[in-house]
C-alpha atoms as a PDB file:
ATOM      1  CA  MET A   1      -0.311   0.150  -0.043  1.00  0.00           C
ATOM      2  CA  MET A   2       3.035   1.946   0.921  1.00  0.00           C
ATOM      3  CA  LYS A   3       4.649   1.241  -2.579  1.00  0.00           C
ATOM      4  CA  THR A   4       1.535   2.168  -4.790  1.00  0.00           C
ATOM      5  CA  PHE A   5       1.493   5.951  -2.052  1.00  0.00           C
ATOM      6  CA  PHE A   6       4.626   6.649  -3.417  1.00  0.00           C
ATOM      7  CA  SER A   7       3.958   5.777  -7.098  1.00  0.00           C
ATOM      8  CA  PHE A   8       1.234   7.818  -7.734  1.00  0.00           C
ATOM      9  CA  LEU A   9       3.081  10.931  -5.912  1.00  0.00           C
ATOM     10  CA  ILE A  10       6.044  10.677  -7.857  1.00  0.00           C
ATOM     11  CA  VAL A  11       3.046  10.479 -11.151  1.00  0.00           C
ATOM     12  CA  LEU A  12       1.148  13.314  -9.923  1.00  0.00           C
ATOM     13  CA  SER A  13       5.055  15.653  -9.585  1.00  0.00           C
ATOM     14  CA  VAL A  14       5.506  14.512 -13.486  1.00  0.00           C
ATOM     15  CA  ILE A  15       1.854  16.424 -13.900  1.00  0.00           C
ATOM     16  CA  ASN A  16       2.605  19.018 -11.838  1.00  0.00           C
ATOM     17  CA  LEU A  17       5.783  19.604 -13.391  1.00  0.00           C
ATOM     18  CA  SER A  18       5.204  18.832 -16.785  1.00  0.00           C
ATOM     19  CA  ALA A  19       2.095  21.374 -15.994  1.00  0.00           C
ATOM     20  CA  GLN A  20       4.965  24.036 -14.601  1.00  0.00           C
ATOM     21  CA  ASN A  21       6.217  24.022 -18.624  1.00  0.00           C
ATOM     22  CA  LEU A  22       3.150  24.494 -21.021  1.00  0.00           C
ATOM     23  CA  LYS A  23       2.490  28.011 -22.636  1.00  0.00           C
ATOM     24  CA  ASN A  24      -0.152  30.070 -21.702  1.00  0.00           C
ATOM     25  CA  PHE A  25      -2.879  29.880 -24.120  1.00  0.00           C
ATOM     26  CA  SER A  26      -5.100  32.476 -25.472  1.00  0.00           C
ATOM     27  CA  VAL A  27      -6.796  32.042 -29.624  1.00  0.00           C
ATOM     28  CA  PRO A  28      -5.430  32.346 -32.397  1.00  0.00           C
ATOM     29  CA  LYS A  29      -6.041  35.269 -34.211  1.00  0.00           C
ATOM     30  CA  GLY A  30      -8.917  34.390 -37.465  1.00  0.00           C
ATOM     31  CA  TYR A  31      -9.464  31.768 -35.653  1.00  0.00           C
ATOM     32  CA  THR A  32     -13.443  30.558 -34.753  1.00  0.00           C
ATOM     33  CA  ARG A  33     -14.651  27.506 -32.083  1.00  0.00           C
ATOM     34  CA  ILE A  34     -17.325  25.631 -32.677  1.00  0.00           C
ATOM     35  CA  ALA A  35     -17.685  23.446 -29.948  1.00  0.00           C
ATOM     36  CA  GLU A  36     -16.114  23.256 -26.009  1.00  0.00           C
ATOM     37  CA  ALA A  37     -16.336  20.517 -23.354  1.00  0.00           C
ATOM     38  CA  LYS A  38     -15.692  20.834 -19.522  1.00  0.00           C
ATOM     39  CA  GLY A  39     -14.046  17.423 -17.791  1.00  0.00           C
ATOM     40  CA  ASP A  40     -11.126  15.070 -16.222  1.00  0.00           C
ATOM     41  CA  LEU A  41      -8.351  13.796 -18.676  1.00  0.00           C
ATOM     42  CA  ASP A  42      -5.750  13.104 -16.048  1.00  0.00           C
ATOM     43  CA  LYS A  43      -7.448  12.150 -12.512  1.00  0.00           C
ATOM     44  CA  ASP A  44      -6.381  15.815 -10.932  1.00  0.00           C
ATOM     45  CA  GLY A  45      -9.763  16.645  -9.123  1.00  0.00           C
ATOM     46  CA  LYS A  46      -9.218  19.539 -11.705  1.00  0.00           C
ATOM     47  CA  ASP A  47     -11.280  20.131 -14.798  1.00  0.00           C
ATOM     48  CA  GLU A  48      -9.492  20.555 -18.643  1.00  0.00           C
ATOM     49  CA  VAL A  49     -11.433  22.568 -21.058  1.00  0.00           C
ATOM     50  CA  VAL A  50     -11.555  21.743 -24.878  1.00  0.00           C
ATOM     51  CA  LEU A  51     -11.686  24.431 -27.231  1.00  0.00           C
ATOM     52  CA  VAL A  52     -11.763  22.871 -31.722  1.00  0.00           C
ATOM     53  CA  PHE A  53     -12.213  25.867 -33.544  1.00  0.00           C
ATOM     54  CA  ASP A  54     -12.096  26.550 -37.376  1.00  0.00           C
ATOM     55  CA  THR A  55      -8.579  27.354 -38.238  1.00  0.00           C
ATOM     56  CA  ASN A  56      -8.514  30.642 -41.172  1.00  0.00           C
ATOM     57  CA  ILE A  57      -6.174  28.715 -42.681  1.00  0.00           C
ATOM     58  CA  LYS A  58      -7.685  27.194 -45.985  1.00  0.00           C
ATOM     59  CA  ALA A  59      -7.172  22.989 -46.466  1.00  0.00           C
ATOM     60  CA  SER A  60      -7.449  23.388 -49.796  1.00  0.00           C
ATOM     61  CA  ASP A  61      -8.988  25.832 -53.037  1.00  0.00           C
ATOM     62  CA  ASP A  62     -11.496  23.753 -54.025  1.00  0.00           C
ATOM     63  CA  ARG A  63     -15.209  24.983 -53.102  1.00  0.00           C
ATOM     64  CA  ASN A  64     -17.879  22.809 -51.905  1.00  0.00           C
ATOM     65  CA  LEU A  65     -21.523  23.297 -53.107  1.00  0.00           C
ATOM     66  CA  GLU A  66     -23.179  26.336 -51.387  1.00  0.00           C
ATOM     67  CA  GLY A  67     -19.929  27.637 -52.380  1.00  0.00           C
ATOM     68  CA  ALA A  68     -18.039  28.897 -48.634  1.00  0.00           C
ATOM     69  CA  THR A  69     -14.315  28.180 -47.923  1.00  0.00           C
ATOM     70  CA  ASP A  70     -12.618  24.493 -46.646  1.00  0.00           C
ATOM     71  CA  TYR A  71     -11.104  25.575 -43.217  1.00  0.00           C
ATOM     72  CA  LYS A  72      -8.859  23.309 -41.458  1.00  0.00           C
ATOM     73  CA  ARG A  73      -9.687  22.527 -38.141  1.00  0.00           C
ATOM     74  CA  VAL A  74      -8.140  22.476 -34.608  1.00  0.00           C
ATOM     75  CA  PHE A  75      -8.150  21.285 -31.115  1.00  0.00           C
ATOM     76  CA  TYR A  76      -6.992  22.124 -27.813  1.00  0.00           C
ATOM     77  CA  ILE A  77      -6.691  20.111 -24.460  1.00  0.00           C
ATOM     78  CA  LEU A  78      -6.040  23.600 -21.677  1.00  0.00           C
ATOM     79  CA  LYS A  79      -5.016  22.470 -18.190  1.00  0.00           C
ATOM     80  CA  ASN A  80      -6.124  25.563 -15.512  1.00  0.00           C
ATOM     81  CA  GLU A  81      -3.215  27.334 -14.072  1.00  0.00           C
ATOM     82  CA  ASP A  82      -2.622  29.694 -11.038  1.00  0.00           C
ATOM     83  CA  SER A  83      -6.345  31.203 -12.935  1.00  0.00           C
ATOM     84  CA  ARG A  84      -4.593  31.078 -16.757  1.00  0.00           C
ATOM     85  CA  LEU A  85      -5.505  28.368 -19.785  1.00  0.00           C
ATOM     86  CA  LYS A  86      -1.977  26.727 -20.442  1.00  0.00           C
ATOM     87  CA  ILE A  87      -1.904  24.726 -23.817  1.00  0.00           C
ATOM     88  CA  TRP A  88      -1.135  20.515 -22.224  1.00  0.00           C
ATOM     89  CA  LYS A  89      -2.568  19.017 -26.712  1.00  0.00           C
ATOM     90  CA  GLU A  90      -2.643  20.480 -29.487  1.00  0.00           C
ATOM     91  CA  ASN A  91      -4.293  18.195 -31.826  1.00  0.00           C
ATOM     92  CA  SER A  92      -5.962  18.494 -35.688  1.00  0.00           C
ATOM     93  CA  THR A  93      -5.030  15.512 -37.639  1.00  0.00           C
ATOM     94  CA  ILE A  94      -8.551  13.753 -36.354  1.00  0.00           C
ATOM     95  CA  LEU A  95     -10.325  16.538 -37.028  1.00  0.00           C
ATOM     96  CA  PHE A  96     -12.363  16.679 -41.274  1.00  0.00           C
ATOM     97  CA  SER A  97     -11.870  20.524 -42.464  1.00  0.00           C
ATOM     98  CA  SER A  98     -15.358  22.516 -42.240  1.00  0.00           C
ATOM     99  CA  GLY A  99     -15.269  21.841 -46.224  1.00  0.00           C
ATOM    100  CA  THR A 100     -15.920  18.050 -46.170  1.00  0.00           C
ATOM    101  CA  GLY A 101     -18.655  16.203 -47.540  1.00  0.00           C
ATOM    102  CA  PHE A 102     -21.621  16.802 -49.879  1.00  0.00           C
ATOM    103  CA  TYR A 103     -23.831  19.415 -46.927  1.00  0.00           C
ATOM    104  CA  PRO A 104     -20.703  21.055 -45.576  1.00  0.00           C
ATOM    105  CA  SER A 105     -23.308  23.879 -43.330  1.00  0.00           C
ATOM    106  CA  ASP A 106     -24.465  20.062 -42.460  1.00  0.00           C
ATOM    107  CA  ASN A 107     -21.704  18.530 -40.956  1.00  0.00           C
ATOM    108  CA  THR A 108     -21.544  18.185 -37.385  1.00  0.00           C
ATOM    109  CA  LEU A 109     -19.107  17.898 -34.513  1.00  0.00           C
ATOM    110  CA  GLU A 110     -19.294  17.981 -30.609  1.00  0.00           C
ATOM    111  CA  ALA A 111     -16.224  17.100 -28.496  1.00  0.00           C
ATOM    112  CA  SER A 112     -17.045  15.580 -24.463  1.00  0.00           C
ATOM    113  CA  ILE A 113     -15.762  14.574 -21.613  1.00  0.00           C
ATOM    114  CA  LYS A 114     -17.120  11.426 -19.792  1.00  0.00           C
ATOM    115  CA  ASN A 115     -15.540   9.383 -17.403  1.00  0.00           C
ATOM    116  CA  ASN A 116     -12.384  10.450 -17.799  1.00  0.00           C
ATOM    117  CA  SER A 117     -12.059  10.174 -20.982  1.00  0.00           C
ATOM    118  CA  LEU A 118     -11.998  12.418 -24.486  1.00  0.00           C
ATOM    119  CA  HIS A 119     -14.807  11.291 -27.066  1.00  0.00           C
ATOM    120  CA  ILE A 120     -15.065  13.175 -30.479  1.00  0.00           C
ATOM    121  CA  GLY A 121     -17.631  12.879 -32.620  1.00  0.00           C
ATOM    122  CA  GLN A 122     -18.503  13.941 -36.267  1.00  0.00           C
ATOM    123  CA  SER A 123     -20.406  13.400 -38.744  1.00  0.00           C
ATOM    124  CA  PHE A 124     -21.434  14.695 -42.497  1.00  0.00           C
ATOM    125  CA  PHE A 125     -22.950  13.719 -45.721  1.00  0.00           C
ATOM    126  CA  THR A 126     -21.031  11.573 -48.059  1.00  0.00           C
ATOM    127  CA  ASN A 127     -23.352  12.354 -50.665  1.00  0.00           C
ATOM    128  CA  SER A 128     -27.267  13.358 -50.764  1.00  0.00           C
ATOM    129  CA  ARG A 129     -28.125   9.942 -49.593  1.00  0.00           C
ATOM    130  CA  HIS A 130     -24.996   9.171 -47.221  1.00  0.00           C
ATOM    131  CA  THR A 131     -23.893   9.361 -44.046  1.00  0.00           C
ATOM    132  CA  GLN A 132     -20.885   9.131 -42.268  1.00  0.00           C
ATOM    133  CA  LYS A 133     -20.774   9.390 -38.842  1.00  0.00           C
ATOM    134  CA  TYR A 134     -17.510   8.827 -36.897  1.00  0.00           C
ATOM    135  CA  LYS A 135     -16.735   8.058 -32.534  1.00  0.00           C
ATOM    136  CA  HIS A 136     -13.258   8.522 -31.455  1.00  0.00           C
ATOM    137  CA  THR A 137     -12.469   8.079 -28.164  1.00  0.00           C
ATOM    138  CA  PHE A 138      -8.946   9.264 -25.778  1.00  0.00           C
ATOM    139  CA  ARG A 139      -7.913   8.350 -22.522  1.00  0.00           C
ATOM    140  CA  PHE A 140      -4.748   9.917 -20.898  1.00  0.00           C
ATOM    141  CA  GLN A 141      -2.486   7.280 -19.899  1.00  0.00           C
ATOM    142  CA  ASN A 142       1.106   6.185 -19.431  1.00  0.00           C
ATOM    143  CA  GLY A 143       1.807  10.388 -20.109  1.00  0.00           C
ATOM    144  CA  ASP A 144      -0.062  10.023 -23.445  1.00  0.00           C
ATOM    145  CA  PHE A 145      -3.139  10.019 -24.849  1.00  0.00           C
ATOM    146  CA  TYR A 146      -4.314   7.401 -26.195  1.00  0.00           C
ATOM    147  CA  LEU A 147      -6.933   5.888 -28.513  1.00  0.00           C
ATOM    148  CA  ILE A 148      -9.810   3.270 -26.632  1.00  0.00           C
ATOM    149  CA  GLY A 149     -12.363   3.230 -28.447  1.00  0.00           C
ATOM    150  CA  SER A 150     -13.682   3.987 -32.513  1.00  0.00           C
ATOM    151  CA  LEU A 151     -17.629   3.950 -33.188  1.00  0.00           C
ATOM    152  CA  ASP A 152     -18.079   4.449 -37.471  1.00  0.00           C
ATOM    153  CA  HIS A 153     -21.966   5.037 -38.689  1.00  0.00           C
ATOM    154  CA  PHE A 154     -22.134   4.620 -42.325  1.00  0.00           C
ATOM    155  CA  GLU A 155     -25.753   4.626 -43.227  1.00  0.00           C
ATOM    156  CA  ASP A 156     -27.816   5.138 -46.904  1.00  0.00           C
ATOM    157  CA  THR A 157     -31.372   6.914 -46.256  1.00  0.00           C
ATOM    158  CA  CYS A 158     -33.385   4.084 -47.918  1.00  0.00           C
ATOM    159  CA  ASP A 159     -30.733   0.879 -48.744  1.00  0.00           C
ATOM    160  CA  PHE A 160     -28.716   0.419 -45.689  1.00  0.00           C
ATOM    161  CA  SER A 161     -26.844   0.844 -42.568  1.00  0.00           C
ATOM    162  CA  PHE A 162     -23.306   0.231 -41.923  1.00  0.00           C
ATOM    163  CA  THR A 163     -21.568   0.549 -38.395  1.00  0.00           C
ATOM    164  CA  ASN A 164     -17.992  -1.355 -36.669  1.00  0.00           C
ATOM    165  CA  GLU A 165     -17.144  -0.867 -33.491  1.00  0.00           C
ATOM    166  CA  ILE A 166     -14.420  -0.950 -30.692  1.00  0.00           C
ATOM    167  CA  ASN A 167     -13.344  -0.820 -27.732  1.00  0.00           C
ATOM    168  CA  PHE A 168      -9.682  -1.103 -27.496  1.00  0.00           C
ATOM    169  CA  SER A 169      -9.176  -1.299 -23.726  1.00  0.00           C
ATOM    170  CA  THR A 170     -10.731  -4.503 -23.808  1.00  0.00           C
ATOM    171  CA  GLY A 171     -11.238  -5.723 -27.717  1.00  0.00           C
ATOM    172  CA  LYS A 172     -14.535  -6.281 -27.607  1.00  0.00           C
ATOM    173  CA  VAL A 173     -15.758  -5.670 -31.398  1.00  0.00           C
ATOM    174  CA  ILE A 174     -19.261  -5.308 -32.792  1.00  0.00           C
ATOM    175  CA  ILE A 175     -19.819  -5.412 -36.588  1.00  0.00           C
ATOM    176  CA  ASP A 176     -23.723  -4.958 -37.894  1.00  0.00           C
ATOM    177  CA  ARG A 177     -25.711  -4.881 -41.962  1.00  0.00           C
ATOM    178  CA  GLU A 178     -28.893  -3.982 -41.475  1.00  0.00           C
ATOM    179  CA  TYR A 179     -30.381  -3.965 -44.356  1.00  0.00           C
ATOM    180  CA  SER A 180     -33.550  -2.326 -46.563  1.00  0.00           C
ATOM    181  CA  SER A 181     -35.224  -0.989 -49.108  1.00  0.00           C
ATOM    182  CA  CYS A 182     -37.080   2.623 -50.477  1.00  0.00           C
ATOM    183  CA  ASP A 183     -38.848   0.331 -52.995  1.00  0.00           C
ATOM    184  CA  ASP A 184     -41.395  -2.729 -52.122  1.00  0.00           C
ATOM    185  CA  ASP A 185     -40.439  -5.215 -55.437  1.00  0.00           C
ATOM    186  CA  ALA A 186     -36.846  -4.347 -54.461  1.00  0.00           C
ATOM    187  CA  LYS A 187     -34.355  -8.354 -52.858  1.00  0.00           C
ATOM    188  CA  ILE A 188     -33.189  -7.043 -49.686  1.00  0.00           C
ATOM    189  CA  PRO A 189     -30.222  -8.740 -48.276  1.00  0.00           C
ATOM    190  CA  GLN A 190     -29.677 -10.528 -45.070  1.00  0.00           C
ATOM    191  CA  ASP A 191     -28.321  -8.620 -42.327  1.00  0.00           C
ATOM    192  CA  PHE A 192     -25.291  -9.111 -41.085  1.00  0.00           C
ATOM    193  CA  HIS A 193     -24.067  -8.857 -36.936  1.00  0.00           C
ATOM    194  CA  LYS A 194     -21.101 -10.317 -35.929  1.00  0.00           C
ATOM    195  CA  GLU A 195     -18.868  -9.569 -32.032  1.00  0.00           C
ATOM    196  CA  PHE A 196     -15.648 -11.380 -31.546  1.00  0.00           C
ATOM    197  CA  THR A 197     -13.254 -10.043 -29.480  1.00  0.00           C
ATOM    198  CA  HIS A 198      -9.797  -8.148 -30.888  1.00  0.00           C
ATOM    199  CA  LYS A 199      -6.565  -6.445 -28.694  1.00  0.00           C
ATOM    200  CA  LEU A 200      -3.991  -4.959 -30.537  1.00  0.00           C
ATOM    201  CA  GLN A 201      -0.379  -4.817 -29.277  1.00  0.00           C
ATOM    202  CA  ASN A 202      -0.268  -1.061 -28.564  1.00  0.00           C
ATOM    203  CA  LEU A 203      -3.003   1.520 -28.680  1.00  0.00           C
ATOM    204  CA  ILE A 204      -2.431   4.418 -30.868  1.00  0.00           C
ATOM    205  CA  LYS A 205      -1.499   7.563 -29.659  1.00  0.00           C
ATOM    206  CA  MET A 206      -3.704  10.413 -30.379  1.00  0.00           C
ATOM    207  CA  ASP A 207      -1.018  12.401 -33.512  1.00  0.00           C
ATOM    208  CA  ASP A 208      -0.305   8.869 -34.514  1.00  0.00           C
ATOM    209  CA  PHE A 209      -4.253   8.293 -35.401  1.00  0.00           C
ATOM    210  CA  LYS A 210      -5.805   9.603 -38.585  1.00  0.00           C
ATOM    211  CA  ILE A 211      -9.668   7.759 -39.533  1.00  0.00           C
ATOM    212  CA  GLY A 212      -8.912   5.369 -41.851  1.00  0.00           C
ATOM    213  CA  GLU A 213      -5.430   4.669 -41.502  1.00  0.00           C
ATOM    214  CA  HIS A 214      -5.737   1.525 -39.908  1.00  0.00           C
ATOM    215  CA  LYS A 215      -6.673  -1.665 -40.263  1.00  0.00           C
ATOM    216  CA  PHE A 216      -6.871  -5.247 -39.359  1.00  0.00           C
ATOM    217  CA  LYS A 217      -8.181  -8.490 -40.830  1.00  0.00           C
ATOM    218  CA  VAL A 218     -11.944 -10.065 -39.422  1.00  0.00           C
ATOM    219  CA  SER A 219     -12.126 -13.717 -39.616  1.00  0.00           C
ATOM    220  CA  GLY A 220     -14.750 -14.863 -42.362  1.00  0.00           C
ATOM    221  CA  LEU A 221     -14.904 -11.287 -43.754  1.00  0.00           C
ATOM    222  CA  LYS A 222     -13.652 -10.163 -47.327  1.00  0.00           C
ATOM    223  CA  GLU A 223     -13.361  -6.092 -46.527  1.00  0.00           C
ATOM    224  CA  ASP A 224     -11.352  -5.694 -43.451  1.00  0.00           C
ATOM    225  CA  PHE A 225     -12.463  -3.678 -40.436  1.00  0.00           C
ATOM    226  CA  ILE A 226     -10.850  -0.944 -41.395  1.00  0.00           C
ATOM    227  CA  PHE A 227     -10.973   2.422 -38.181  1.00  0.00           C
END
């Protein structure tokens, strides 16, 4: 018990030392806040603040159907030290740009903190009938933020609803395929549901994660599980 207590004190000391070296935060000129969350991410009893912004940096020179400019997005995880917000973490690799999708004005981005974990949700239309939703969960452990959960939901207004979900902490994987049709005479494929366990050898750090660039084989299926 005493050894565990001293280990806890050492962890707190490292966190406090790191916090003293953090830079003060101020909203960059030209940035627009689009989401905010508050909660305790490192279990020190103090709430961190997560702020998500549309930057003023163009993601591409292309313009979407509504003529809006496509901007890169970024979020900051901030610590409140001495009544000042300080930058603990900055990331833009897991966020889609503001002009992503078929109807960019209908895009959504949500941030929340629950159970000491950061949840980032993003959704957009890939065309006039298809919606794509993502939810990714990150936890601070071993001195960094790691991906511990991924949910990918792809849906057609008439024909299908596909879900891929994995909890990297437990290894539980859910693959669900539901089929339907707006045509009464159409032949509807059989629904498919599969649950199994797949443990990654190493969890993926937040800064090493980009949506769609990781995959693994699924027994009994032709396609890979992509996250």
